[in-house]
Amino acid sequence: MGTSSPVTITVEAIVHSPVASVWKFWTEPKHIKQWNNASDDWHTPIAENDLRVGGAFVSRMEAKDGSFGFDFGGVYDEVSLNESIAYTLGDDRKVSIAFIAQGDDTKIVESFEAEETNAVEMQQAGWQAILDNFKKYAESAKEE
């Protein structure tokens, strides 16, 4: 990525659901497949998650019309149950997520190193859209 430091982008949301539920919805593959998309014309047909330090995860993100798709994955650097997750993506960018209990609500703060292909504003909008979709799912889903 050259000699300059990468730009760090932060997105956040307050989810009206307790942190233990939010954690489950964020980390369990059956739930990840329900919310991990930025728009309704995309979906995540495959999600795998080995939630432990050194464990890997991957989500297959695809346009529903089959026109485009990619794998989003990495390896966990830190996992603190119901509190935080940090991981390194396949392209060596770093991501950290904090889950902050606020009574019966949970504040999620997600920071990631921007990649150099797309505009920072576009990346922030895309990650925020996915986080907003997670919020909508987590506030309406039932735990199983």
Protein backbone atom coordinates (compact mmCIF):
# COMPACT_ATOMS: atom_id res chain seq x y z
CA MET A 1 0.00 0.00 0.00
CA GLY A 2 2.95 2.32 -0.45
CA THR A 3 4.61 4.36 2.25
CA SER A 4 1.58 6.37 3.38
CA SER A 5 -0.57 5.21 6.25
CA PRO A 6 -3.97 3.90 5.19
CA VAL A 7 -7.04 6.00 5.89
CA THR A 8 -9.16 4.60 8.73
CA ILE A 9 -12.92 4.80 8.26
CA THR A 10 -15.39 4.40 11.13
CA VAL A 11 -19.08 3.54 10.92
CA GLU A 12 -21.42 3.10 13.84
CA ALA A 13 -24.98 2.34 14.87
CA ILE A 14 -27.03 1.92 18.00
CA VAL A 15 -28.97 -1.34 17.88
CA HIS A 16 -32.04 -1.63 20.08
CA SER A 17 -31.16 -5.14 21.24
CA PRO A 18 -29.00 -6.45 24.13
CA VAL A 19 -25.30 -7.04 23.46
CA ALA A 20 -25.52 -10.86 23.85
CA SER A 21 -28.15 -11.01 21.10
CA VAL A 22 -26.26 -8.57 18.89
CA TRP A 23 -23.09 -10.66 19.27
CA LYS A 24 -24.95 -13.83 18.24
CA PHE A 25 -26.54 -12.16 15.20
CA TRP A 26 -23.15 -10.70 14.18
CA THR A 27 -21.12 -13.91 14.51
CA GLU A 28 -23.34 -16.92 13.68
CA PRO A 29 -23.31 -17.90 9.98
CA LYS A 30 -27.07 -18.56 9.84
CA HIS A 31 -27.62 -14.94 10.87
CA ILE A 32 -24.75 -13.45 8.82
CA LYS A 33 -26.43 -14.78 5.66
CA GLN A 34 -29.56 -12.79 6.55
CA TRP A 35 -28.04 -9.31 6.95
CA ASN A 36 -24.64 -9.16 5.22
CA ASN A 37 -25.47 -7.03 2.20
CA ALA A 38 -25.49 -3.33 1.41
CA SER A 39 -28.61 -3.42 -0.78
CA ASP A 40 -31.56 -5.68 -1.55
CA ASP A 41 -30.11 -6.76 -4.90
CA TRP A 42 -27.18 -8.47 -3.11
CA HIS A 43 -27.05 -11.45 -0.78
CA THR A 44 -24.64 -13.69 1.13
CA PRO A 45 -25.38 -17.31 0.17
CA ILE A 46 -22.39 -18.73 2.07
CA ALA A 47 -20.94 -17.70 5.44
CA GLU A 48 -18.37 -19.59 7.51
CA ASN A 49 -16.99 -18.36 10.82
CA ASP A 50 -14.33 -19.87 13.12
CA LEU A 51 -14.66 -17.25 15.86
CA ARG A 52 -11.37 -17.53 17.77
CA VAL A 53 -7.96 -15.89 17.60
CA GLY A 54 -6.29 -17.36 14.52
CA GLY A 55 -9.64 -18.59 13.19
CA ALA A 56 -10.78 -17.66 9.70
CA PHE A 57 -14.05 -16.39 8.34
CA VAL A 58 -15.44 -15.95 4.85
CA SER A 59 -18.67 -14.62 3.43
CA ARG A 60 -19.56 -15.05 -0.22
CA MET A 61 -21.23 -11.84 -1.33
CA GLU A 62 -23.06 -11.92 -4.67
CA ALA A 63 -25.40 -9.85 -6.78
CA LYS A 64 -28.74 -11.71 -6.85
CA ASP A 65 -28.76 -11.55 -10.67
CA GLY A 66 -25.43 -13.45 -10.74
CA SER A 67 -23.56 -10.62 -12.46
CA PHE A 68 -20.86 -10.24 -9.80
CA GLY A 69 -19.63 -11.78 -6.57
CA PHE A 70 -16.64 -11.93 -4.27
CA ASP A 71 -15.39 -13.57 -1.09
CA PHE A 72 -14.93 -11.33 1.95
CA GLY A 73 -12.74 -12.95 4.53
CA GLY A 74 -9.88 -12.79 6.94
CA VAL A 75 -8.33 -14.09 10.14
CA TYR A 76 -9.21 -13.05 13.69
CA ASP A 77 -6.54 -11.21 15.69
CA GLU A 78 -8.68 -10.60 18.79
CA VAL A 79 -12.00 -11.94 20.07
CA SER A 80 -13.48 -10.75 23.35
CA LEU A 81 -16.95 -12.26 23.88
CA ASN A 82 -19.74 -9.65 23.68
CA GLU A 83 -17.15 -6.83 23.62
CA SER A 84 -14.88 -6.68 20.58
CA ILE A 85 -13.49 -8.35 17.49
CA ALA A 86 -10.41 -7.45 15.46
CA TYR A 87 -9.29 -9.13 12.26
CA THR A 88 -6.99 -8.83 9.28
CA LEU A 89 -8.54 -9.08 5.83
CA GLY A 90 -7.00 -11.12 3.03
CA ASP A 91 -5.38 -7.95 1.63
CA ASP A 92 -3.76 -7.18 5.05
CA ARG A 93 -6.15 -4.35 5.97
CA LYS A 94 -7.14 -4.20 9.66
CA VAL A 95 -10.70 -4.08 11.01
CA SER A 96 -11.90 -3.62 14.59
CA ILE A 97 -15.42 -3.77 15.95
CA ALA A 98 -16.56 -2.74 19.43
CA PHE A 99 -19.87 -3.86 20.92
CA ILE A 100 -20.73 -1.44 23.72
CA ALA A 101 -23.63 -2.34 26.02
CA GLN A 102 -25.87 0.65 26.75
CA GLY A 103 -28.63 -0.80 28.91
CA ASP A 104 -30.80 -2.88 26.58
CA ASP A 105 -29.16 -1.31 23.52
CA THR A 106 -25.80 -1.99 21.90
CA LYS A 107 -23.58 0.58 20.24
CA ILE A 108 -21.48 -0.90 17.44
CA VAL A 109 -18.37 0.99 16.36
CA GLU A 110 -16.61 -0.53 13.36
CA SER A 111 -13.29 0.88 12.08
CA PHE A 112 -11.45 -0.35 9.01
CA GLU A 113 -8.51 0.60 6.85
CA ALA A 114 -9.66 1.88 3.48
CA GLU A 115 -8.55 0.14 0.32
CA GLU A 116 -7.05 2.23 -2.46
CA THR A 117 -9.30 1.28 -5.39
CA ASN A 118 -12.58 2.96 -4.42
CA ALA A 119 -13.27 6.42 -3.00
CA VAL A 120 -13.25 6.67 0.80
CA GLU A 121 -16.80 8.07 0.72
CA MET A 122 -18.01 5.08 -1.30
CA GLN A 123 -16.37 2.62 1.11
CA GLN A 124 -17.84 4.39 4.13
CA ALA A 125 -21.31 4.41 2.54
CA GLY A 126 -21.08 0.70 1.68
CA TRP A 127 -19.93 -0.41 5.15
CA GLN A 128 -22.53 1.87 6.79
CA ALA A 129 -25.26 0.37 4.58
CA ILE A 130 -24.28 -3.14 5.70
CA LEU A 131 -24.21 -2.01 9.34
CA ASP A 132 -27.63 -0.37 8.92
CA ASN A 133 -28.94 -3.61 7.40
CA PHE A 134 -27.52 -5.49 10.41
CA LYS A 135 -29.30 -3.07 12.76
CA LYS A 136 -32.61 -3.64 10.97
CA TYR A 137 -32.13 -7.42 11.12
CA ALA A 138 -30.97 -7.51 14.76
CA GLU A 139 -33.91 -5.41 15.91
CA SER A 140 -36.46 -7.67 14.21
CA ALA A 141 -34.88 -11.16 14.35
CA LYS A 142 -35.65 -13.79 16.92
CA GLU A 143 -32.88 -15.77 18.59
CA GLU A 144 -32.82 -19.46 17.78
